[in-house]
Amino acid sequence: MSTNNVHTDPTAIGAMEEAASHEHLKVQPDGSVVGYKASRTLRLRVELARQLRRRRTQLMLGLLVLLPIVLVVSFEIGEANPNRRQGGFVDLATASAPNFVVFALFVSGTFLLPMIVAIFFGDTIASEASWSSLKYLLAMPIPRHRLIRQKAISSGILSLFALLLLPTVSLLIGVVWYGAGEAVSPTGDAVPFGDGVMAIYAATIYIAINLLWVAALALFLSVSTDAPLGAVGGTVLVAIVSQILDQITALEDLRNYLPTHYAFAWSDLISTDIDWSEMTRGAFSALCFAAFFGFLAIRKFTRKDITS
C-alpha cells in the first residue's frame, strides 16, 4: 500500500497569512460588506429574460396566439351565421370582431386564463426549490423579501402580457374575418367599434384584477412546496371547486363570497348603459382574497427553513 504525502511550502503559507492579516473588510451599519447593495441583486430585467427563455412560457404564449385561429377554423367548419344579431356570446361570436374577442375571453375565462396565471405564479419559487437552486440564490445573498417580490413582479408582468395578448390577437384576426362592426350584446345593445374595443380592454383589466386571488394563492402554494406541479394543480383545483360551488343555487347568497362568483362581471361592459356594481364587488372580493393569500405567502417564505 502506498501513501500520498502532501508537501506544503512554509514560505507560501506565511505569505498568505501575512496578506490576510492586512486585509480588512469594511462593514456597513446593517452588517453587510461595503459595496453590497440588495437592489443590485436579481434585477427584474434579468429575471424576465430568464423566464421568457423557459419552454413553458413560450408554450403558454404560443397557445394564446393559436387559440383565436382554432376558434375561427371551428366556426368556418361549423358554418356559423355572421349576420346573427341576437343570442348569447356563442351565438354572437361571428357578428363582428369585438364579439369574436368577447367570445374568446368568455371561453378561456373559466379554465385557461386562471391556469396560465397559476402556472406563472405557482412555478416561480417552487421550481427554484425543485432545482435545488433556491438556497444558492439566498446565499448570493439575495434578501428573502426581495427574492419573492422580484419573482412576483416578473410573474405579474408575464401574466398581464398573456392576458393582453389573447384579446389583441383575437381582435386582429376578428377584423380580418368578421370585419370592424358593432359589438352586439346578448341584450341587443349595439356598441360602436371604437367603444367596443375600449370595453374589451377594460374587461381585460378587470379580468387581471379578478385573477389576483389566483396569483396570490399560487404564490402561497409555491413557497409552501418544492413541487411546482403541486402548487399549480392546487390553485387550479381550488378555482374549479369554487366554480362548481357557484353553480349550486341552494347556497343562495353564500355564493357571493366565492372568489370566482364575479369572474364574468366584465360582460356588463358590452352595453350602452354600463352597470359597474357587479364589477366593483368582484374587484373588491379579488383584492381581499389576494391580500390574504399574499400575506400568507410572504409570512411563510420569510420564516421558512430553506433546504433546497
C-alpha atoms as a PDB file:
ATOM      1  CA  MET A   1       0.000   0.000   0.000  1.00  0.00           C
ATOM      2  CA  SER A   2       1.344   3.389  -0.944  1.00  0.00           C
ATOM      3  CA  THR A   3       0.681   6.642   0.829  1.00  0.00           C
ATOM      4  CA  ASN A   4       0.433  10.072  -0.734  1.00  0.00           C
ATOM      5  CA  ASN A   5       2.419  12.778   1.018  1.00  0.00           C
ATOM      6  CA  VAL A   6       1.152  16.331   0.867  1.00  0.00           C
ATOM      7  CA  HIS A   7       4.004  18.796   0.546  1.00  0.00           C
ATOM      8  CA  THR A   8       3.447  22.381   1.670  1.00  0.00           C
ATOM      9  CA  ASP A   9       5.607  25.408   1.217  1.00  0.00           C
ATOM     10  CA  PRO A  10       6.019  27.122   4.640  1.00  0.00           C
ATOM     11  CA  THR A  11       7.114  30.309   2.904  1.00  0.00           C
ATOM     12  CA  ALA A  12       3.950  30.435   0.783  1.00  0.00           C
ATOM     13  CA  ILE A  13       1.742  29.785   3.788  1.00  0.00           C
ATOM     14  CA  GLY A  14       3.457  32.553   5.711  1.00  0.00           C
ATOM     15  CA  ALA A  15       2.938  34.975   2.820  1.00  0.00           C
ATOM     16  CA  MET A  16      -0.775  34.119   2.670  1.00  0.00           C
ATOM     17  CA  GLU A  17      -1.193  34.636   6.402  1.00  0.00           C
ATOM     18  CA  GLU A  18       0.528  37.985   6.232  1.00  0.00           C
ATOM     19  CA  ALA A  19      -1.633  39.098   3.308  1.00  0.00           C
ATOM     20  CA  ALA A  20      -4.775  38.023   5.154  1.00  0.00           C
ATOM     21  CA  SER A  21      -3.757  39.958   8.251  1.00  0.00           C
ATOM     22  CA  HIS A  22      -3.559  43.181   6.249  1.00  0.00           C
ATOM     23  CA  GLU A  23      -6.951  42.652   4.567  1.00  0.00           C
ATOM     24  CA  HIS A  24      -9.760  44.409   6.402  1.00  0.00           C
ATOM     25  CA  LEU A  25     -13.316  44.282   5.085  1.00  0.00           C
ATOM     26  CA  LYS A  26     -15.310  47.378   5.831  1.00  0.00           C
ATOM     27  CA  VAL A  27     -18.775  46.716   7.181  1.00  0.00           C
ATOM     28  CA  GLN A  28     -21.828  48.928   6.837  1.00  0.00           C
ATOM     29  CA  PRO A  29     -24.103  49.712   9.802  1.00  0.00           C
ATOM     30  CA  ASP A  30     -26.537  46.979   8.729  1.00  0.00           C
ATOM     31  CA  GLY A  31     -23.782  44.365   8.867  1.00  0.00           C
ATOM     32  CA  SER A  32     -23.235  43.994   5.118  1.00  0.00           C
ATOM     33  CA  VAL A  33     -19.907  44.465   3.381  1.00  0.00           C
ATOM     34  CA  VAL A  34     -19.228  47.913   1.954  1.00  0.00           C
ATOM     35  CA  GLY A  35     -20.191  47.919  -1.722  1.00  0.00           C
ATOM     36  CA  TYR A  36     -23.019  45.396  -1.351  1.00  0.00           C
ATOM     37  CA  LYS A  37     -26.468  46.660  -2.346  1.00  0.00           C
ATOM     38  CA  ALA A  38     -29.531  44.446  -2.215  1.00  0.00           C
ATOM     39  CA  SER A  39     -31.070  46.459  -5.059  1.00  0.00           C
ATOM     40  CA  ARG A  40     -28.395  45.118  -7.399  1.00  0.00           C
ATOM     41  CA  THR A  41     -29.368  41.504  -6.819  1.00  0.00           C
ATOM     42  CA  LEU A  42     -31.848  39.624  -9.029  1.00  0.00           C
ATOM     43  CA  ARG A  43     -32.615  42.545 -11.325  1.00  0.00           C
ATOM     44  CA  LEU A  44     -36.080  42.457 -12.853  1.00  0.00           C
ATOM     45  CA  ARG A  45     -34.924  42.508 -16.481  1.00  0.00           C
ATOM     46  CA  VAL A  46     -32.628  39.542 -15.786  1.00  0.00           C
ATOM     47  CA  GLU A  47     -35.456  37.535 -14.207  1.00  0.00           C
ATOM     48  CA  LEU A  48     -37.846  38.424 -17.038  1.00  0.00           C
ATOM     49  CA  ALA A  49     -35.328  37.391 -19.683  1.00  0.00           C
ATOM     50  CA  ARG A  50     -34.753  34.147 -17.828  1.00  0.00           C
ATOM     51  CA  GLN A  51     -38.466  33.382 -17.622  1.00  0.00           C
ATOM     52  CA  LEU A  52     -39.062  34.252 -21.279  1.00  0.00           C
ATOM     53  CA  ARG A  53     -36.420  31.730 -22.300  1.00  0.00           C
ATOM     54  CA  ARG A  54     -38.235  28.934 -20.496  1.00  0.00           C
ATOM     55  CA  ARG A  55     -40.162  26.485 -22.636  1.00  0.00           C
ATOM     56  CA  ARG A  56     -43.350  26.671 -20.568  1.00  0.00           C
ATOM     57  CA  THR A  57     -43.548  30.458 -21.069  1.00  0.00           C
ATOM     58  CA  GLN A  58     -43.131  30.095 -24.816  1.00  0.00           C
ATOM     59  CA  LEU A  59     -45.746  27.338 -24.946  1.00  0.00           C
ATOM     60  CA  MET A  60     -48.273  29.378 -22.959  1.00  0.00           C
ATOM     61  CA  LEU A  61     -47.869  32.459 -25.142  1.00  0.00           C
ATOM     62  CA  GLY A  62     -47.952  30.330 -28.282  1.00  0.00           C
ATOM     63  CA  LEU A  63     -51.195  28.718 -27.120  1.00  0.00           C
ATOM     64  CA  LEU A  64     -52.829  32.120 -26.651  1.00  0.00           C
ATOM     65  CA  VAL A  65     -51.827  33.135 -30.176  1.00  0.00           C
ATOM     66  CA  LEU A  66     -53.094  29.850 -31.604  1.00  0.00           C
ATOM     67  CA  LEU A  67     -56.458  29.848 -29.788  1.00  0.00           C
ATOM     68  CA  PRO A  68     -58.174  32.554 -31.925  1.00  0.00           C
ATOM     69  CA  ILE A  69     -57.075  30.749 -35.083  1.00  0.00           C
ATOM     70  CA  VAL A  70     -58.553  27.492 -33.795  1.00  0.00           C
ATOM     71  CA  LEU A  71     -61.814  29.291 -32.985  1.00  0.00           C
ATOM     72  CA  VAL A  72     -62.039  30.822 -36.482  1.00  0.00           C
ATOM     73  CA  VAL A  73     -61.431  27.437 -38.111  1.00  0.00           C
ATOM     74  CA  SER A  74     -64.080  25.884 -35.871  1.00  0.00           C
ATOM     75  CA  PHE A  75     -66.647  28.497 -36.874  1.00  0.00           C
ATOM     76  CA  GLU A  76     -65.776  28.075 -40.555  1.00  0.00           C
ATOM     77  CA  ILE A  77     -66.223  24.323 -40.325  1.00  0.00           C
ATOM     78  CA  GLY A  78     -69.455  24.763 -38.411  1.00  0.00           C
ATOM     79  CA  GLU A  79     -70.798  27.377 -40.886  1.00  0.00           C
ATOM     80  CA  ALA A  80     -71.742  29.947 -38.251  1.00  0.00           C
ATOM     81  CA  ASN A  81     -74.129  32.757 -39.247  1.00  0.00           C
ATOM     82  CA  PRO A  82     -72.170  36.051 -39.311  1.00  0.00           C
ATOM     83  CA  ASN A  83     -75.384  38.112 -39.544  1.00  0.00           C
ATOM     84  CA  ARG A  84     -76.842  36.932 -36.256  1.00  0.00           C
ATOM     85  CA  ARG A  85     -77.900  39.876 -34.044  1.00  0.00           C
ATOM     86  CA  GLN A  86     -79.327  38.082 -31.024  1.00  0.00           C
ATOM     87  CA  GLY A  87     -78.471  35.258 -28.676  1.00  0.00           C
ATOM     88  CA  GLY A  88     -75.686  34.578 -26.206  1.00  0.00           C
ATOM     89  CA  PHE A  89     -71.947  35.163 -26.511  1.00  0.00           C
ATOM     90  CA  VAL A  90     -71.531  31.959 -28.504  1.00  0.00           C
ATOM     91  CA  ASP A  91     -74.297  32.836 -30.958  1.00  0.00           C
ATOM     92  CA  LEU A  92     -72.929  36.365 -31.472  1.00  0.00           C
ATOM     93  CA  ALA A  93     -69.278  35.342 -31.772  1.00  0.00           C
ATOM     94  CA  THR A  94     -69.095  35.879 -35.538  1.00  0.00           C
ATOM     95  CA  ALA A  95     -71.201  39.063 -35.654  1.00  0.00           C
ATOM     96  CA  SER A  96     -68.115  41.315 -35.582  1.00  0.00           C
ATOM     97  CA  ALA A  97     -64.506  41.473 -34.449  1.00  0.00           C
ATOM     98  CA  PRO A  98     -65.392  42.792 -30.956  1.00  0.00           C
ATOM     99  CA  ASN A  99     -67.905  39.985 -30.498  1.00  0.00           C
ATOM    100  CA  PHE A 100     -65.278  37.465 -31.529  1.00  0.00           C
ATOM    101  CA  VAL A 101     -62.914  38.845 -28.856  1.00  0.00           C
ATOM    102  CA  VAL A 102     -65.670  38.717 -26.238  1.00  0.00           C
ATOM    103  CA  PHE A 103     -66.284  35.074 -27.117  1.00  0.00           C
ATOM    104  CA  ALA A 104     -62.559  34.266 -26.881  1.00  0.00           C
ATOM    105  CA  LEU A 105     -62.413  35.830 -23.400  1.00  0.00           C
ATOM    106  CA  PHE A 106     -65.606  34.052 -22.408  1.00  0.00           C
ATOM    107  CA  VAL A 107     -64.468  30.531 -23.348  1.00  0.00           C
ATOM    108  CA  SER A 108     -60.974  30.987 -21.891  1.00  0.00           C
ATOM    109  CA  GLY A 109     -62.031  32.687 -18.664  1.00  0.00           C
ATOM    110  CA  THR A 110     -63.266  29.528 -16.970  1.00  0.00           C
ATOM    111  CA  PHE A 111     -60.085  27.451 -17.102  1.00  0.00           C
ATOM    112  CA  LEU A 112     -57.368  28.644 -19.493  1.00  0.00           C
ATOM    113  CA  LEU A 113     -56.670  32.125 -18.118  1.00  0.00           C
ATOM    114  CA  PRO A 114     -56.707  31.070 -14.440  1.00  0.00           C
ATOM    115  CA  MET A 115     -54.413  28.161 -15.340  1.00  0.00           C
ATOM    116  CA  ILE A 116     -51.893  30.445 -17.074  1.00  0.00           C
ATOM    117  CA  VAL A 117     -51.765  32.819 -14.105  1.00  0.00           C
ATOM    118  CA  ALA A 118     -51.422  29.814 -11.784  1.00  0.00           C
ATOM    119  CA  ILE A 119     -48.511  28.487 -13.845  1.00  0.00           C
ATOM    120  CA  PHE A 120     -46.595  31.767 -13.824  1.00  0.00           C
ATOM    121  CA  PHE A 121     -47.028  32.304 -10.072  1.00  0.00           C
ATOM    122  CA  GLY A 122     -47.139  28.706  -8.852  1.00  0.00           C
ATOM    123  CA  ASP A 123     -43.962  27.739 -10.658  1.00  0.00           C
ATOM    124  CA  THR A 124     -41.858  30.756  -9.727  1.00  0.00           C
ATOM    125  CA  ILE A 125     -40.488  29.745  -6.292  1.00  0.00           C
ATOM    126  CA  ALA A 126     -41.278  26.025  -6.286  1.00  0.00           C
ATOM    127  CA  SER A 127     -39.279  25.464  -9.476  1.00  0.00           C
ATOM    128  CA  GLU A 128     -36.175  27.009  -7.892  1.00  0.00           C
ATOM    129  CA  ALA A 129     -36.630  24.698  -4.912  1.00  0.00           C
ATOM    130  CA  SER A 130     -37.096  21.657  -7.152  1.00  0.00           C
ATOM    131  CA  TRP A 131     -33.857  22.527  -8.977  1.00  0.00           C
ATOM    132  CA  SER A 132     -32.081  22.970  -5.607  1.00  0.00           C
ATOM    133  CA  SER A 133     -31.105  26.485  -6.663  1.00  0.00           C
ATOM    134  CA  LEU A 134     -33.219  28.415  -4.166  1.00  0.00           C
ATOM    135  CA  LYS A 135     -30.681  28.131  -1.357  1.00  0.00           C
ATOM    136  CA  TYR A 136     -27.939  29.385  -3.661  1.00  0.00           C
ATOM    137  CA  LEU A 137     -29.987  32.429  -4.638  1.00  0.00           C
ATOM    138  CA  LEU A 138     -30.417  33.281  -0.958  1.00  0.00           C
ATOM    139  CA  ALA A 139     -26.710  32.675  -0.329  1.00  0.00           C
ATOM    140  CA  MET A 140     -25.611  35.148  -3.030  1.00  0.00           C
ATOM    141  CA  PRO A 141     -27.048  36.871  -0.899  1.00  0.00           C
ATOM    142  CA  ILE A 142     -30.491  37.954  -2.142  1.00  0.00           C
ATOM    143  CA  PRO A 143     -32.761  39.064   0.722  1.00  0.00           C
ATOM    144  CA  ARG A 144     -35.850  36.902   1.009  1.00  0.00           C
ATOM    145  CA  HIS A 145     -38.277  39.794   0.741  1.00  0.00           C
ATOM    146  CA  ARG A 146     -36.561  40.964  -2.444  1.00  0.00           C
ATOM    147  CA  LEU A 147     -36.491  37.476  -3.939  1.00  0.00           C
ATOM    148  CA  ILE A 148     -40.209  36.881  -3.508  1.00  0.00           C
ATOM    149  CA  ARG A 149     -41.006  40.440  -4.630  1.00  0.00           C
ATOM    150  CA  GLN A 150     -38.943  40.205  -7.821  1.00  0.00           C
ATOM    151  CA  LYS A 151     -40.361  36.784  -8.601  1.00  0.00           C
ATOM    152  CA  ALA A 152     -43.917  38.030  -8.040  1.00  0.00           C
ATOM    153  CA  ILE A 153     -43.411  41.162 -10.163  1.00  0.00           C
ATOM    154  CA  SER A 154     -41.932  39.207 -13.071  1.00  0.00           C
ATOM    155  CA  SER A 155     -44.774  36.670 -12.862  1.00  0.00           C
ATOM    156  CA  GLY A 156     -47.285  39.519 -12.783  1.00  0.00           C
ATOM    157  CA  ILE A 157     -45.778  41.162 -15.866  1.00  0.00           C
ATOM    158  CA  LEU A 158     -45.849  37.888 -17.787  1.00  0.00           C
ATOM    159  CA  SER A 159     -49.427  37.185 -16.680  1.00  0.00           C
ATOM    160  CA  LEU A 160     -50.616  40.659 -17.701  1.00  0.00           C
ATOM    161  CA  PHE A 161     -48.843  40.332 -21.044  1.00  0.00           C
ATOM    162  CA  ALA A 162     -50.551  36.977 -21.610  1.00  0.00           C
ATOM    163  CA  LEU A 163     -53.959  38.397 -20.677  1.00  0.00           C
ATOM    164  CA  LEU A 164     -53.499  41.288 -23.127  1.00  0.00           C
ATOM    165  CA  LEU A 165     -52.085  39.045 -25.843  1.00  0.00           C
ATOM    166  CA  LEU A 166     -55.278  36.998 -26.230  1.00  0.00           C
ATOM    167  CA  PRO A 167     -57.712  39.883 -26.942  1.00  0.00           C
ATOM    168  CA  THR A 168     -55.148  41.668 -29.126  1.00  0.00           C
ATOM    169  CA  VAL A 169     -54.573  38.666 -31.388  1.00  0.00           C
ATOM    170  CA  SER A 170     -58.297  37.860 -31.350  1.00  0.00           C
ATOM    171  CA  LEU A 171     -59.145  41.432 -32.385  1.00  0.00           C
ATOM    172  CA  LEU A 172     -56.705  41.398 -35.294  1.00  0.00           C
ATOM    173  CA  ILE A 173     -57.968  38.055 -36.549  1.00  0.00           C
ATOM    174  CA  GLY A 174     -61.576  39.103 -35.943  1.00  0.00           C
ATOM    175  CA  VAL A 175     -61.188  42.266 -38.023  1.00  0.00           C
ATOM    176  CA  VAL A 176     -59.794  40.225 -40.911  1.00  0.00           C
ATOM    177  CA  TRP A 177     -62.507  37.553 -40.807  1.00  0.00           C
ATOM    178  CA  TYR A 178     -65.602  39.294 -39.454  1.00  0.00           C
ATOM    179  CA  GLY A 179     -64.989  42.997 -40.015  1.00  0.00           C
ATOM    180  CA  ALA A 180     -64.837  46.014 -37.727  1.00  0.00           C
ATOM    181  CA  GLY A 181     -68.535  46.092 -36.930  1.00  0.00           C
ATOM    182  CA  GLU A 182     -70.510  46.957 -33.838  1.00  0.00           C
ATOM    183  CA  ALA A 183     -70.266  44.932 -30.662  1.00  0.00           C
ATOM    184  CA  VAL A 184     -73.664  43.367 -30.077  1.00  0.00           C
ATOM    185  CA  SER A 185     -74.580  42.358 -26.527  1.00  0.00           C
ATOM    186  CA  PRO A 186     -76.905  39.466 -25.609  1.00  0.00           C
ATOM    187  CA  THR A 187     -79.474  42.083 -24.548  1.00  0.00           C
ATOM    188  CA  GLY A 188     -79.495  43.549 -28.067  1.00  0.00           C
ATOM    189  CA  ASP A 189     -77.426  46.686 -27.409  1.00  0.00           C
ATOM    190  CA  ALA A 190     -75.155  47.720 -30.291  1.00  0.00           C
ATOM    191  CA  VAL A 191     -71.890  49.387 -29.240  1.00  0.00           C
ATOM    192  CA  PRO A 192     -69.775  51.223 -31.879  1.00  0.00           C
ATOM    193  CA  PHE A 193     -66.493  49.558 -32.860  1.00  0.00           C
ATOM    194  CA  GLY A 194     -64.271  52.102 -31.075  1.00  0.00           C
ATOM    195  CA  ASP A 195     -66.264  51.910 -27.851  1.00  0.00           C
ATOM    196  CA  GLY A 196     -66.354  48.144 -28.182  1.00  0.00           C
ATOM    197  CA  VAL A 197     -62.555  47.938 -28.360  1.00  0.00           C
ATOM    198  CA  MET A 198     -62.231  50.159 -25.287  1.00  0.00           C
ATOM    199  CA  ALA A 199     -64.743  47.955 -23.468  1.00  0.00           C
ATOM    200  CA  ILE A 200     -62.755  44.855 -24.403  1.00  0.00           C
ATOM    201  CA  TYR A 201     -59.512  46.168 -22.927  1.00  0.00           C
ATOM    202  CA  ALA A 202     -61.364  47.454 -19.868  1.00  0.00           C
ATOM    203  CA  ALA A 203     -62.748  43.932 -19.493  1.00  0.00           C
ATOM    204  CA  THR A 204     -59.214  42.546 -19.779  1.00  0.00           C
ATOM    205  CA  ILE A 205     -58.014  44.829 -16.991  1.00  0.00           C
ATOM    206  CA  TYR A 206     -60.940  43.670 -14.851  1.00  0.00           C
ATOM    207  CA  ILE A 207     -60.052  40.031 -15.572  1.00  0.00           C
ATOM    208  CA  ALA A 208     -56.474  40.758 -14.498  1.00  0.00           C
ATOM    209  CA  ILE A 209     -57.718  42.253 -11.214  1.00  0.00           C
ATOM    210  CA  ASN A 210     -60.170  39.406 -10.679  1.00  0.00           C
ATOM    211  CA  LEU A 211     -57.366  36.838 -11.112  1.00  0.00           C
ATOM    212  CA  LEU A 212     -55.200  38.443  -8.434  1.00  0.00           C
ATOM    213  CA  TRP A 213     -56.542  35.929  -5.937  1.00  0.00           C
ATOM    214  CA  VAL A 214     -55.330  33.116  -8.225  1.00  0.00           C
ATOM    215  CA  ALA A 215     -51.879  34.718  -8.385  1.00  0.00           C
ATOM    216  CA  ALA A 216     -51.643  35.151  -4.616  1.00  0.00           C
ATOM    217  CA  LEU A 217     -52.872  31.626  -3.852  1.00  0.00           C
ATOM    218  CA  ALA A 218     -50.450  30.133  -6.401  1.00  0.00           C
ATOM    219  CA  LEU A 219     -47.591  32.137  -4.876  1.00  0.00           C
ATOM    220  CA  PHE A 220     -48.506  30.920  -1.383  1.00  0.00           C
ATOM    221  CA  LEU A 221     -48.556  27.302  -2.533  1.00  0.00           C
ATOM    222  CA  SER A 222     -45.322  27.876  -4.447  1.00  0.00           C
ATOM    223  CA  VAL A 223     -43.449  28.879  -1.286  1.00  0.00           C
ATOM    224  CA  SER A 224     -45.088  26.026   0.635  1.00  0.00           C
ATOM    225  CA  THR A 225     -43.905  23.167  -1.562  1.00  0.00           C
ATOM    226  CA  ASP A 226     -40.927  22.058  -3.616  1.00  0.00           C
ATOM    227  CA  ALA A 227     -43.195  20.639  -6.344  1.00  0.00           C
ATOM    228  CA  PRO A 228     -44.254  23.198  -8.994  1.00  0.00           C
ATOM    229  CA  LEU A 229     -46.980  20.875 -10.274  1.00  0.00           C
ATOM    230  CA  GLY A 230     -48.480  20.698  -6.800  1.00  0.00           C
ATOM    231  CA  ALA A 231     -48.626  24.486  -6.492  1.00  0.00           C
ATOM    232  CA  VAL A 232     -50.160  24.949  -9.939  1.00  0.00           C
ATOM    233  CA  GLY A 233     -52.515  21.992  -9.630  1.00  0.00           C
ATOM    234  CA  GLY A 234     -53.669  23.017  -6.179  1.00  0.00           C
ATOM    235  CA  THR A 235     -54.530  26.516  -7.370  1.00  0.00           C
ATOM    236  CA  VAL A 236     -56.423  25.284 -10.425  1.00  0.00           C
ATOM    237  CA  LEU A 237     -58.283  22.753  -8.264  1.00  0.00           C
ATOM    238  CA  VAL A 238     -59.430  25.489  -5.876  1.00  0.00           C
ATOM    239  CA  ALA A 239     -60.644  27.567  -8.841  1.00  0.00           C
ATOM    240  CA  ILE A 240     -62.574  24.610 -10.279  1.00  0.00           C
ATOM    241  CA  VAL A 241     -64.185  23.746  -6.942  1.00  0.00           C
ATOM    242  CA  SER A 242     -65.193  27.387  -6.489  1.00  0.00           C
ATOM    243  CA  GLN A 243     -66.811  27.416  -9.935  1.00  0.00           C
ATOM    244  CA  ILE A 244     -68.704  24.214  -9.153  1.00  0.00           C
ATOM    245  CA  LEU A 245     -69.976  25.580  -5.847  1.00  0.00           C
ATOM    246  CA  ASP A 246     -71.032  28.779  -7.616  1.00  0.00           C
ATOM    247  CA  GLN A 247     -73.450  26.721  -9.725  1.00  0.00           C
ATOM    248  CA  ILE A 248     -75.271  25.355  -6.673  1.00  0.00           C
ATOM    249  CA  THR A 249     -78.242  27.679  -6.309  1.00  0.00           C
ATOM    250  CA  ALA A 250     -79.108  26.183  -2.909  1.00  0.00           C
ATOM    251  CA  LEU A 251     -76.167  28.148  -1.461  1.00  0.00           C
ATOM    252  CA  GLU A 252     -78.010  31.362  -2.366  1.00  0.00           C
ATOM    253  CA  ASP A 253     -76.163  34.461  -1.093  1.00  0.00           C
ATOM    254  CA  LEU A 254     -73.228  32.406   0.159  1.00  0.00           C
ATOM    255  CA  ARG A 255     -72.059  32.178  -3.438  1.00  0.00           C
ATOM    256  CA  ASN A 256     -71.252  35.884  -3.347  1.00  0.00           C
ATOM    257  CA  TYR A 257     -68.267  35.073  -1.134  1.00  0.00           C
ATOM    258  CA  LEU A 258     -66.729  32.629  -3.594  1.00  0.00           C
ATOM    259  CA  PRO A 259     -63.634  34.026  -5.375  1.00  0.00           C
ATOM    260  CA  THR A 260     -64.971  33.039  -8.812  1.00  0.00           C
ATOM    261  CA  HIS A 261     -68.500  34.378  -8.371  1.00  0.00           C
ATOM    262  CA  TYR A 262     -67.798  37.656 -10.184  1.00  0.00           C
ATOM    263  CA  ALA A 263     -65.425  36.213 -12.792  1.00  0.00           C
ATOM    264  CA  PHE A 264     -67.643  37.230 -15.712  1.00  0.00           C
ATOM    265  CA  ALA A 265     -68.941  40.537 -14.357  1.00  0.00           C
ATOM    266  CA  TRP A 266     -66.936  42.207 -17.155  1.00  0.00           C
ATOM    267  CA  SER A 267     -69.701  41.239 -19.602  1.00  0.00           C
ATOM    268  CA  ASP A 268     -71.662  44.264 -18.311  1.00  0.00           C
ATOM    269  CA  LEU A 269     -69.163  46.452 -20.200  1.00  0.00           C
ATOM    270  CA  ILE A 270     -70.611  45.319 -23.544  1.00  0.00           C
ATOM    271  CA  SER A 271     -73.619  47.581 -23.207  1.00  0.00           C
ATOM    272  CA  THR A 272     -74.733  51.112 -23.906  1.00  0.00           C
ATOM    273  CA  ASP A 273     -75.692  51.510 -20.229  1.00  0.00           C
ATOM    274  CA  ILE A 274     -72.856  50.030 -18.143  1.00  0.00           C
ATOM    275  CA  ASP A 275     -73.633  48.678 -14.685  1.00  0.00           C
ATOM    276  CA  TRP A 276     -70.482  48.899 -12.527  1.00  0.00           C
ATOM    277  CA  SER A 277     -71.918  47.359  -9.350  1.00  0.00           C
ATOM    278  CA  GLU A 278     -71.004  43.717 -10.061  1.00  0.00           C
ATOM    279  CA  MET A 279     -67.504  44.619 -11.234  1.00  0.00           C
ATOM    280  CA  THR A 280     -66.931  46.752  -8.142  1.00  0.00           C
ATOM    281  CA  ARG A 281     -67.891  43.860  -5.896  1.00  0.00           C
ATOM    282  CA  GLY A 282     -65.770  41.475  -7.957  1.00  0.00           C
ATOM    283  CA  ALA A 283     -62.689  43.702  -7.774  1.00  0.00           C
ATOM    284  CA  PHE A 284     -63.104  44.189  -4.018  1.00  0.00           C
ATOM    285  CA  SER A 285     -63.535  40.450  -3.462  1.00  0.00           C
ATOM    286  CA  ALA A 286     -60.446  39.623  -5.536  1.00  0.00           C
ATOM    287  CA  LEU A 287     -58.317  42.220  -3.733  1.00  0.00           C
ATOM    288  CA  CYS A 288     -59.364  40.875  -0.330  1.00  0.00           C
ATOM    289  CA  PHE A 289     -58.511  37.287  -1.259  1.00  0.00           C
ATOM    290  CA  ALA A 290     -55.255  38.428  -2.866  1.00  0.00           C
ATOM    291  CA  ALA A 291     -54.236  40.407   0.217  1.00  0.00           C
ATOM    292  CA  PHE A 292     -54.949  37.425   2.462  1.00  0.00           C
ATOM    293  CA  PHE A 293     -53.060  34.833   0.389  1.00  0.00           C
ATOM    294  CA  GLY A 294     -50.282  37.321  -0.367  1.00  0.00           C
ATOM    295  CA  PHE A 295     -49.766  37.935   3.350  1.00  0.00           C
ATOM    296  CA  LEU A 296     -49.600  34.190   3.965  1.00  0.00           C
ATOM    297  CA  ALA A 297     -47.080  33.753   1.140  1.00  0.00           C
ATOM    298  CA  ILE A 298     -44.730  36.464   2.434  1.00  0.00           C
ATOM    299  CA  ARG A 299     -45.042  35.264   6.041  1.00  0.00           C
ATOM    300  CA  LYS A 300     -44.383  31.659   5.031  1.00  0.00           C
ATOM    301  CA  PHE A 301     -41.373  32.435   2.835  1.00  0.00           C
ATOM    302  CA  THR A 302     -39.645  34.784   5.269  1.00  0.00           C
ATOM    303  CA  ARG A 303     -39.868  32.180   8.053  1.00  0.00           C
ATOM    304  CA  LYS A 304     -39.342  29.018   6.011  1.00  0.00           C
ATOM    305  CA  ASP A 305     -36.266  26.849   6.536  1.00  0.00           C
ATOM    306  CA  ILE A 306     -34.771  26.681   3.034  1.00  0.00           C
ATOM    307  CA  THR A 307     -33.028  23.349   2.441  1.00  0.00           C
ATOM    308  CA  SER A 308     -33.225  23.056  -1.341  1.00  0.00           C
END
